[in-house]
Amino acid sequence: MTQTKVILLACGSFNPPTFMHLRMFELARDHLNRLGRYQVIGGIMSPVHDNYGKKELISSTHRVALLRLALQDSDWIFLSDWEVNQSSWVRTRQVLQYHQNKLNMHTSELSGNKRHIDNDVPAWIHHAQKHCGSGNMGVRVKLLCGADLLESFGTPGLWSDQDIESLIGDHGLAVITRSGSDPYRFIYESDILSKYQNNIDIITEWITNEVSSTKIRRSLRRGESVKYLLPVEVIDYIKNNSLYSSIIDKQ
């Protein structure tokens, strides 16, 4: 069986990044590799632009720094700061298209034994190239998300049909869900999701974890301990930069 090489890309605020954000990548990689149709060769975390306007969203300068710290022990998940460096907020479809096009360009250069013109090649590109091999250069950038994003496709006016068709039809979804939810029913009840259901991989999180950035921020505001919920380096950065109006004295 020919395997499709996959890079998982997660978009989000990461405000702050938690162990659950990182855990999603591990869950998805195990599931997709187990199917036998895919080989996950990398992961990308793309923090949202400051102009997204979400409540309590701290500066991307800090969120990028927090992600770098959170990812320093990972040998396959990487930060992409392209989204935050744009002039304004960009749609999720554009984020995936940029990374897919960037990847296609550089893997094509490698296949043709061309020298890179871009001297600032992102680390995730270098990592992908190591795992491509000259015989199979096709790599798909697949959106990694939670079940809440899948269900948001049904919210009137939130997503355009063009965006949904591109996200699922051109890239595909790896959806982390939890016991008790019913994503298959949601897909069945949506004409557009049913059309592309073969490009939607549902991954059940059996070891449930209710950690969320919202709950983390609430604890930080109240001066409560968040130890074992975030990497210690992330906690230290938050404390040293007085983020989220936090006083982290209780460790």
Protein backbone atom coordinates (compact mmCIF):
# COMPACT_ATOMS: atom_id res chain seq x y z
CA MET A 1 0.00 0.00 0.00
CA THR A 2 1.30 3.45 -0.97
CA GLN A 3 1.38 5.72 2.05
CA THR A 4 0.62 9.44 1.93
CA LYS A 5 3.21 11.44 3.81
CA VAL A 6 1.51 13.93 6.11
CA ILE A 7 2.45 17.04 8.04
CA LEU A 8 -0.09 17.93 10.71
CA LEU A 9 -0.78 21.65 11.11
CA ALA A 10 -2.67 23.12 14.07
CA CYS A 11 -3.89 26.71 14.06
CA GLY A 12 -4.92 28.41 17.28
CA SER A 13 -4.34 31.08 19.87
CA PHE A 14 -2.07 28.92 22.05
CA ASN A 15 -2.75 31.41 24.79
CA PRO A 16 -0.88 29.82 26.51
CA PRO A 17 0.18 26.50 24.91
CA THR A 18 -0.70 23.55 27.15
CA PHE A 19 0.31 19.91 27.30
CA MET A 20 -3.03 19.11 25.65
CA HIS A 21 -2.07 21.10 22.55
CA LEU A 22 1.05 18.97 22.25
CA ARG A 23 -0.80 15.78 23.12
CA MET A 24 -3.13 16.26 20.14
CA PHE A 25 -0.20 15.78 17.78
CA GLU A 26 0.86 12.55 19.44
CA LEU A 27 -2.70 11.17 19.36
CA ALA A 28 -3.12 12.04 15.68
CA ARG A 29 0.25 10.65 14.63
CA ASP A 30 -0.38 7.32 16.35
CA HIS A 31 -3.86 7.01 14.84
CA LEU A 32 -2.93 7.98 11.27
CA ASN A 33 0.18 5.80 11.21
CA ARG A 34 -1.86 2.88 12.53
CA LEU A 35 -4.29 3.16 9.61
CA GLY A 36 -1.48 2.22 7.24
CA ARG A 37 -2.51 4.80 4.62
CA TYR A 38 -0.44 7.61 6.09
CA GLN A 39 3.02 8.31 7.39
CA VAL A 40 3.11 11.38 9.61
CA ILE A 41 6.51 12.99 9.14
CA GLY A 42 6.07 16.29 10.97
CA GLY A 43 3.89 18.75 12.82
CA ILE A 44 3.45 22.53 12.73
CA MET A 45 1.90 24.89 15.29
CA SER A 46 0.77 28.21 13.80
CA PRO A 47 -0.33 30.84 16.34
CA VAL A 48 -3.06 33.21 15.25
CA HIS A 49 -2.41 36.86 14.31
CA ASP A 50 -2.86 39.54 16.96
CA ASN A 51 -5.69 41.09 14.92
CA TYR A 52 -7.84 38.00 15.42
CA GLY A 53 -9.37 39.99 18.25
CA LYS A 54 -10.01 37.17 20.68
CA LYS A 55 -10.61 38.18 24.30
CA GLU A 56 -7.52 37.99 26.54
CA LEU A 57 -5.24 37.32 23.57
CA ILE A 58 -1.73 38.38 24.56
CA SER A 59 0.85 39.66 22.06
CA SER A 60 2.10 37.20 19.47
CA THR A 61 5.63 38.09 20.59
CA HIS A 62 4.90 36.34 23.87
CA ARG A 63 2.86 33.52 22.35
CA VAL A 64 5.64 32.70 19.90
CA ALA A 65 8.16 32.70 22.74
CA LEU A 66 5.92 30.40 24.80
CA LEU A 67 5.57 27.99 21.88
CA ARG A 68 9.31 27.88 21.32
CA LEU A 69 9.75 26.88 24.95
CA ALA A 70 6.91 24.33 24.81
CA LEU A 71 8.35 22.69 21.69
CA GLN A 72 12.02 22.62 22.63
CA ASP A 73 11.83 18.94 23.62
CA SER A 74 9.96 17.80 20.49
CA ASP A 75 11.91 16.32 17.60
CA TRP A 76 9.05 16.48 15.10
CA ILE A 77 6.68 19.36 15.99
CA PHE A 78 7.76 22.85 14.95
CA LEU A 79 6.65 26.46 15.30
CA SER A 80 5.66 28.48 12.24
CA ASP A 81 5.51 32.26 12.78
CA TRP A 82 4.36 33.05 9.23
CA GLU A 83 0.77 33.71 10.29
CA VAL A 84 1.63 36.17 13.07
CA ASN A 85 4.03 38.06 10.77
CA GLN A 86 1.35 38.91 8.20
CA SER A 87 -0.05 42.46 8.02
CA SER A 88 -3.41 41.29 9.33
CA TRP A 89 -5.41 38.22 10.30
CA VAL A 90 -5.56 35.50 7.64
CA ARG A 91 -8.08 32.73 7.18
CA THR A 92 -7.25 29.15 8.14
CA ARG A 93 -7.51 28.10 4.49
CA GLN A 94 -4.78 30.59 3.57
CA VAL A 95 -2.53 29.32 6.35
CA LEU A 96 -2.74 25.75 5.06
CA GLN A 97 -2.30 26.84 1.46
CA TYR A 98 0.82 28.83 2.30
CA HIS A 99 2.47 25.93 4.11
CA GLN A 100 1.47 23.44 1.41
CA ASN A 101 2.85 25.70 -1.34
CA LYS A 102 6.04 26.39 0.61
CA LEU A 103 6.53 22.68 1.14
CA ASN A 104 5.83 21.85 -2.50
CA MET A 105 8.35 24.42 -3.68
CA HIS A 106 11.20 23.16 -1.51
CA THR A 107 10.56 19.45 -2.00
CA SER A 108 10.46 20.09 -5.74
CA GLU A 109 13.84 21.79 -5.53
CA LEU A 110 15.22 18.83 -3.60
CA SER A 111 13.84 16.37 -6.15
CA GLY A 112 15.51 18.28 -8.96
CA ASN A 113 18.76 18.65 -7.03
CA LYS A 114 18.46 22.42 -7.20
CA ARG A 115 20.09 24.72 -4.74
CA HIS A 116 17.78 26.61 -2.42
CA ILE A 117 17.37 30.26 -3.26
CA ASP A 118 15.70 30.91 0.11
CA ASN A 119 18.46 31.01 2.72
CA ASP A 120 15.95 31.20 5.55
CA VAL A 121 14.29 27.81 5.15
CA PRO A 122 12.08 27.01 8.17
CA ALA A 123 13.06 24.13 10.42
CA TRP A 124 9.87 22.23 9.56
CA ILE A 125 10.89 22.27 5.88
CA HIS A 126 14.32 20.83 6.67
CA HIS A 127 12.69 18.14 8.80
CA ALA A 128 10.23 17.23 6.03
CA GLN A 129 12.99 17.00 3.45
CA LYS A 130 14.88 14.49 5.58
CA HIS A 131 11.83 12.21 5.56
CA CYS A 132 10.72 12.68 1.96
CA GLY A 133 13.26 10.70 -0.01
CA SER A 134 13.79 11.45 -3.67
CA GLY A 135 11.41 8.72 -4.77
CA ASN A 136 8.29 10.12 -3.11
CA MET A 137 8.12 13.86 -2.80
CA GLY A 138 4.36 14.32 -2.34
CA VAL A 139 3.50 15.49 1.17
CA ARG A 140 0.07 16.64 2.32
CA VAL A 141 -0.40 19.34 4.94
CA LYS A 142 -3.40 18.19 6.96
CA LEU A 143 -5.33 20.34 9.47
CA LEU A 144 -5.24 19.03 13.03
CA CYS A 145 -8.13 20.29 15.13
CA GLY A 146 -10.60 19.50 17.86
CA ALA A 147 -14.19 18.38 17.40
CA ASP A 148 -15.34 21.90 18.27
CA LEU A 149 -13.82 23.23 15.03
CA LEU A 150 -15.55 20.51 13.01
CA GLU A 151 -18.88 21.44 14.58
CA SER A 152 -18.23 25.15 13.97
CA PHE A 153 -18.61 24.44 10.24
CA GLY A 154 -22.32 24.27 10.95
CA THR A 155 -22.47 27.79 12.44
CA PRO A 156 -24.18 30.08 9.87
CA GLY A 157 -21.86 32.75 8.47
CA LEU A 158 -18.74 31.58 10.29
CA TRP A 159 -17.17 29.61 7.43
CA SER A 160 -17.66 30.02 3.69
CA ASP A 161 -18.41 26.90 1.66
CA GLN A 162 -15.26 27.65 -0.35
CA ASP A 163 -13.14 27.57 2.81
CA ILE A 164 -14.69 24.33 4.03
CA GLU A 165 -14.28 22.63 0.65
CA SER A 166 -10.64 23.70 0.46
CA LEU A 167 -9.80 22.69 4.03
CA ILE A 168 -11.33 19.24 3.70
CA GLY A 169 -11.10 18.56 -0.04
CA ASP A 170 -7.58 19.88 -0.65
CA HIS A 171 -5.96 19.17 2.71
CA GLY A 172 -8.09 16.95 4.93
CA LEU A 173 -8.85 17.01 8.64
CA ALA A 174 -7.52 15.06 11.59
CA VAL A 175 -10.14 15.64 14.28
CA ILE A 176 -9.50 14.91 17.95
CA THR A 177 -12.76 14.05 19.65
CA ARG A 178 -13.73 12.70 23.04
CA SER A 179 -15.97 9.93 24.29
CA GLY A 180 -19.57 11.08 24.42
CA SER A 181 -19.37 13.27 21.30
CA ASP A 182 -20.79 12.13 17.98
CA PRO A 183 -18.78 13.62 15.08
CA TYR A 184 -20.02 10.95 12.68
CA ARG A 185 -23.60 12.13 13.16
CA PHE A 186 -22.53 15.74 12.60
CA ILE A 187 -20.81 14.73 9.36
CA TYR A 188 -23.88 12.74 8.28
CA GLU A 189 -26.16 15.75 8.85
CA SER A 190 -23.94 18.08 6.79
CA ASP A 191 -24.08 17.77 3.00
CA ILE A 192 -20.68 19.39 2.48
CA LEU A 193 -18.96 17.30 5.17
CA SER A 194 -20.55 14.11 3.86
CA LYS A 195 -19.21 14.93 0.40
CA TYR A 196 -15.63 14.88 1.71
CA GLN A 197 -16.02 12.45 4.61
CA ASN A 198 -13.20 10.24 3.29
CA ASN A 199 -10.82 13.14 3.97
CA ILE A 200 -11.89 13.45 7.62
CA ASP A 201 -10.10 11.23 10.10
CA ILE A 202 -11.80 10.99 13.51
CA ILE A 203 -9.44 10.30 16.41
CA THR A 204 -10.94 9.48 19.79
CA GLU A 205 -9.14 10.69 22.88
CA TRP A 206 -9.73 7.78 25.25
CA ILE A 207 -7.50 9.15 28.01
CA THR A 208 -9.54 12.28 28.56
CA ASN A 209 -7.94 15.56 29.54
CA GLU A 210 -10.01 18.67 30.22
CA VAL A 211 -7.06 21.08 30.31
CA SER A 212 -7.75 24.24 28.30
CA SER A 213 -6.04 27.59 27.87
CA THR A 214 -9.15 29.31 29.22
CA LYS A 215 -8.98 27.36 32.47
CA ILE A 216 -5.24 27.94 32.69
CA ARG A 217 -5.70 31.71 32.35
CA ARG A 218 -8.38 31.66 35.03
CA SER A 219 -6.03 29.88 37.43
CA LEU A 220 -3.24 32.32 36.63
CA ARG A 221 -5.47 35.34 37.29
CA ARG A 222 -6.29 33.87 40.68
CA GLY A 223 -2.70 33.14 41.55
CA GLU A 224 -3.31 29.38 41.59
CA SER A 225 -0.73 26.76 40.68
CA VAL A 226 -0.61 25.50 37.09
CA LYS A 227 2.27 23.14 37.67
CA TYR A 228 2.00 19.87 35.69
CA LEU A 229 -0.45 21.55 33.30
CA LEU A 230 2.18 23.51 31.35
CA PRO A 231 5.87 22.90 30.69
CA VAL A 232 7.86 24.40 33.53
CA GLU A 233 9.74 26.68 31.12
CA VAL A 234 6.40 28.10 29.96
CA ILE A 235 5.34 28.73 33.56
CA ASP A 236 8.62 30.51 34.27
CA TYR A 237 8.25 32.72 31.20
CA ILE A 238 4.69 33.65 32.20
CA LYS A 239 5.86 34.50 35.69
CA ASN A 240 8.92 36.47 34.58
CA ASN A 241 6.88 38.53 32.10
CA SER A 242 3.84 39.00 34.37
CA LEU A 243 1.47 37.59 31.74
CA TYR A 244 -2.24 36.99 32.32
CA SER A 245 -2.07 39.18 35.45
CA SER A 246 -0.54 36.19 37.19
CA ILE A 247 1.33 35.76 40.43
CA ILE A 248 2.72 32.26 40.38
CA ASP A 249 4.01 31.81 43.89
CA LYS A 250 2.26 28.57 44.67
CA GLN A 251 4.23 25.80 43.02
